[in-house]
Amino acid sequence: MTYPAPPPYVVPEPSRFSRFVLRVVERSPAWAAPAAIATCFAGAVGYVMISDPTTSGAYSAPTCLLKLTTGFDCPGCGGTRAFWYLLHGNLPQAARNHALFVFAVPFLVYMYVAWSAKLVAKREVLPAFRLSPTTLAVFLAVWFVFSVLRNLPWAPFTWLYV
């Protein structure tokens, strides 16, 4: 039995909004995307410095919905406190709150700097740091195991509880 060939894919006509967004992207300078990300990051730094997440409890506002409803630490639990401690130069306490976040920060910063430099200079200033799918899968698996282990109520896993 022979099946008929599927109809060719027809690209839909972009909407007015899509055309507007594409025009803005085409006309924007190369430094606009890195500057937008830096602005968002500056806002996050300002929020963390003002709110001081280390003095609030787990059930203080703003709170994690998963922790509030189940009592379990979510995979990102402790990340804001770790960020606060990193901003204050306290690396051991930052690692105590979220070790994988502290491990990932140098890689993320380097990837951002290399990407920004490449866009602004229009050439590769720093070598690109490319992660293979296997590396990403291993990191996500380790993060998942870390998230499960930190919720176990027995020693030595209680040390991971924040």
Protein backbone atom coordinates (compact mmCIF):
# COMPACT_ATOMS: atom_id res chain seq x y z
CA MET A 1 0.00 0.00 0.00
CA THR A 2 1.40 3.35 -0.99
CA TYR A 3 0.69 6.43 1.01
CA PRO A 4 0.30 9.81 -0.66
CA ALA A 5 3.11 12.29 -0.17
CA PRO A 6 2.42 14.76 2.61
CA PRO A 7 1.60 18.28 1.48
CA PRO A 8 4.58 20.63 1.51
CA TYR A 9 4.91 22.86 4.55
CA VAL A 10 3.81 26.39 3.81
CA VAL A 11 5.37 29.04 6.01
CA PRO A 12 2.59 31.25 7.34
CA GLU A 13 2.68 34.97 6.67
CA PRO A 14 4.10 36.79 9.71
CA SER A 15 1.68 38.91 11.69
CA ARG A 16 2.05 42.67 12.15
CA PHE A 17 3.58 42.16 15.57
CA SER A 18 6.07 39.56 14.27
CA ARG A 19 7.13 41.89 11.46
CA PHE A 20 7.57 44.72 13.99
CA VAL A 21 9.73 42.55 16.27
CA LEU A 22 11.85 41.39 13.34
CA ARG A 23 12.39 45.00 12.20
CA VAL A 24 13.44 46.04 15.71
CA VAL A 25 15.88 43.12 15.96
CA GLU A 26 17.40 43.91 12.55
CA ARG A 27 17.86 47.60 13.41
CA SER A 28 19.18 47.17 16.95
CA PRO A 29 22.92 47.50 17.58
CA ALA A 30 25.03 44.43 18.35
CA TRP A 31 25.49 45.45 21.98
CA ALA A 32 21.73 45.66 22.70
CA ALA A 33 21.24 41.99 23.69
CA PRO A 34 24.25 41.84 26.06
CA ALA A 35 23.20 45.19 27.55
CA ALA A 36 19.64 43.93 28.11
CA ILE A 37 20.93 40.84 29.90
CA ALA A 38 23.34 42.94 31.97
CA THR A 39 20.44 45.23 32.93
CA CYS A 40 18.34 42.27 34.06
CA PHE A 41 21.31 40.92 36.01
CA ALA A 42 21.84 44.32 37.65
CA GLY A 43 18.19 44.28 38.67
CA ALA A 44 18.64 40.83 40.21
CA VAL A 45 21.74 42.00 42.08
CA GLY A 46 19.86 45.06 43.36
CA TYR A 47 16.91 42.94 44.50
CA VAL A 48 19.12 40.44 46.32
CA MET A 49 21.18 43.19 47.98
CA ILE A 50 18.06 45.02 49.18
CA SER A 51 16.01 42.01 50.30
CA ASP A 52 18.83 40.09 52.11
CA PRO A 53 17.44 36.56 51.70
CA THR A 54 19.67 35.23 54.49
CA THR A 55 17.60 36.87 57.24
CA SER A 56 14.20 35.69 56.04
CA GLY A 57 12.80 32.25 56.79
CA ALA A 58 11.73 29.61 54.30
CA TYR A 59 8.10 30.63 54.71
CA SER A 60 8.63 34.40 54.50
CA ALA A 61 7.35 36.26 51.45
CA PRO A 62 8.40 35.93 48.67
CA THR A 63 8.48 32.18 49.05
CA CYS A 64 8.92 29.11 46.92
CA LEU A 65 5.55 27.60 46.05
CA LEU A 66 6.94 24.04 46.17
CA LYS A 67 8.41 24.57 49.66
CA LEU A 68 5.25 26.27 50.86
CA THR A 69 2.93 23.50 49.68
CA THR A 70 5.05 20.36 50.20
CA GLY A 71 7.80 21.33 52.64
CA PHE A 72 10.42 20.00 50.22
CA ASP A 73 13.36 21.96 48.89
CA CYS A 74 12.99 22.63 45.18
CA PRO A 75 15.97 22.12 42.82
CA GLY A 76 16.79 25.85 43.02
CA CYS A 77 16.21 26.21 46.76
CA GLY A 78 19.06 28.14 48.34
CA GLY A 79 20.16 29.68 45.04
CA THR A 80 19.21 33.24 46.02
CA ARG A 81 21.00 32.92 49.36
CA ALA A 82 24.02 31.41 47.60
CA PHE A 83 23.99 34.36 45.20
CA TRP A 84 23.84 36.79 48.14
CA TYR A 85 26.82 35.09 49.80
CA LEU A 86 28.75 35.10 46.50
CA LEU A 87 28.15 38.84 46.17
CA HIS A 88 29.58 39.25 49.66
CA GLY A 89 32.59 37.00 48.95
CA ASN A 90 31.59 34.20 51.34
CA LEU A 91 32.24 31.19 49.11
CA PRO A 92 31.89 28.44 51.77
CA GLN A 93 28.50 29.70 52.92
CA ALA A 94 27.37 30.11 49.31
CA ALA A 95 28.32 26.49 48.61
CA ARG A 96 26.50 25.45 51.79
CA ASN A 97 23.28 26.97 50.44
CA HIS A 98 23.53 25.64 46.86
CA ALA A 99 26.76 23.92 45.82
CA LEU A 100 25.76 23.31 42.20
CA PHE A 101 24.83 26.96 41.69
CA VAL A 102 28.26 28.01 42.96
CA PHE A 103 29.88 25.44 40.66
CA ALA A 104 27.94 26.72 37.61
CA VAL A 105 28.50 30.47 38.14
CA PRO A 106 32.05 30.73 36.72
CA PHE A 107 31.02 28.82 33.59
CA LEU A 108 27.92 30.97 33.09
CA VAL A 109 29.87 34.21 33.58
CA TYR A 110 32.56 33.12 31.12
CA MET A 111 29.96 32.09 28.54
CA TYR A 112 28.22 35.47 28.88
CA VAL A 113 31.48 37.44 28.57
CA ALA A 114 32.64 35.42 25.52
CA TRP A 115 29.25 35.80 23.83
CA SER A 116 29.07 39.54 24.56
CA ALA A 117 32.62 40.16 23.36
CA LYS A 118 31.91 38.26 20.14
CA LEU A 119 28.77 40.29 19.43
CA VAL A 120 30.33 43.66 20.20
CA ALA A 121 33.72 43.08 18.53
CA LYS A 122 32.17 41.17 15.60
CA ARG A 123 34.90 38.54 15.94
CA GLU A 124 35.73 35.82 18.41
CA VAL A 125 37.71 37.55 21.17
CA LEU A 126 37.54 34.68 23.67
CA PRO A 127 37.24 31.04 22.68
CA ALA A 128 33.64 29.90 22.80
CA PHE A 129 32.75 27.50 25.58
CA ARG A 130 30.46 24.91 24.08
CA LEU A 131 28.68 22.30 26.15
CA SER A 132 27.94 18.95 24.58
CA PRO A 133 24.51 17.38 25.07
CA THR A 134 26.17 14.70 27.20
CA THR A 135 27.69 17.32 29.49
CA LEU A 136 24.33 19.04 29.89
CA ALA A 137 22.60 15.71 30.55
CA VAL A 138 25.17 14.76 33.21
CA PHE A 139 24.87 18.17 34.90
CA LEU A 140 21.05 17.95 34.94
CA ALA A 141 21.22 14.37 36.28
CA VAL A 142 23.59 15.44 39.06
CA TRP A 143 21.29 18.38 39.83
CA PHE A 144 18.30 16.01 40.02
CA VAL A 145 20.15 13.60 42.34
CA PHE A 146 21.30 16.55 44.48
CA SER A 147 17.70 17.78 44.67
CA VAL A 148 16.45 14.38 45.84
CA LEU A 149 19.26 13.78 48.32
CA ARG A 150 18.87 17.17 49.99
CA ASN A 151 15.29 16.27 50.91
CA LEU A 152 16.13 12.97 52.62
CA PRO A 153 15.72 13.22 56.41
CA TRP A 154 18.68 10.97 57.36
CA ALA A 155 22.31 11.76 58.04
CA PRO A 156 24.51 12.58 56.11
CA PHE A 157 21.87 14.02 53.75
CA THR A 158 20.54 16.40 56.40
CA TRP A 159 23.68 18.49 55.87
CA LEU A 160 22.37 19.36 52.38
CA TYR A 161 19.10 20.73 53.81
CA VAL A 162 18.88 24.53 53.77
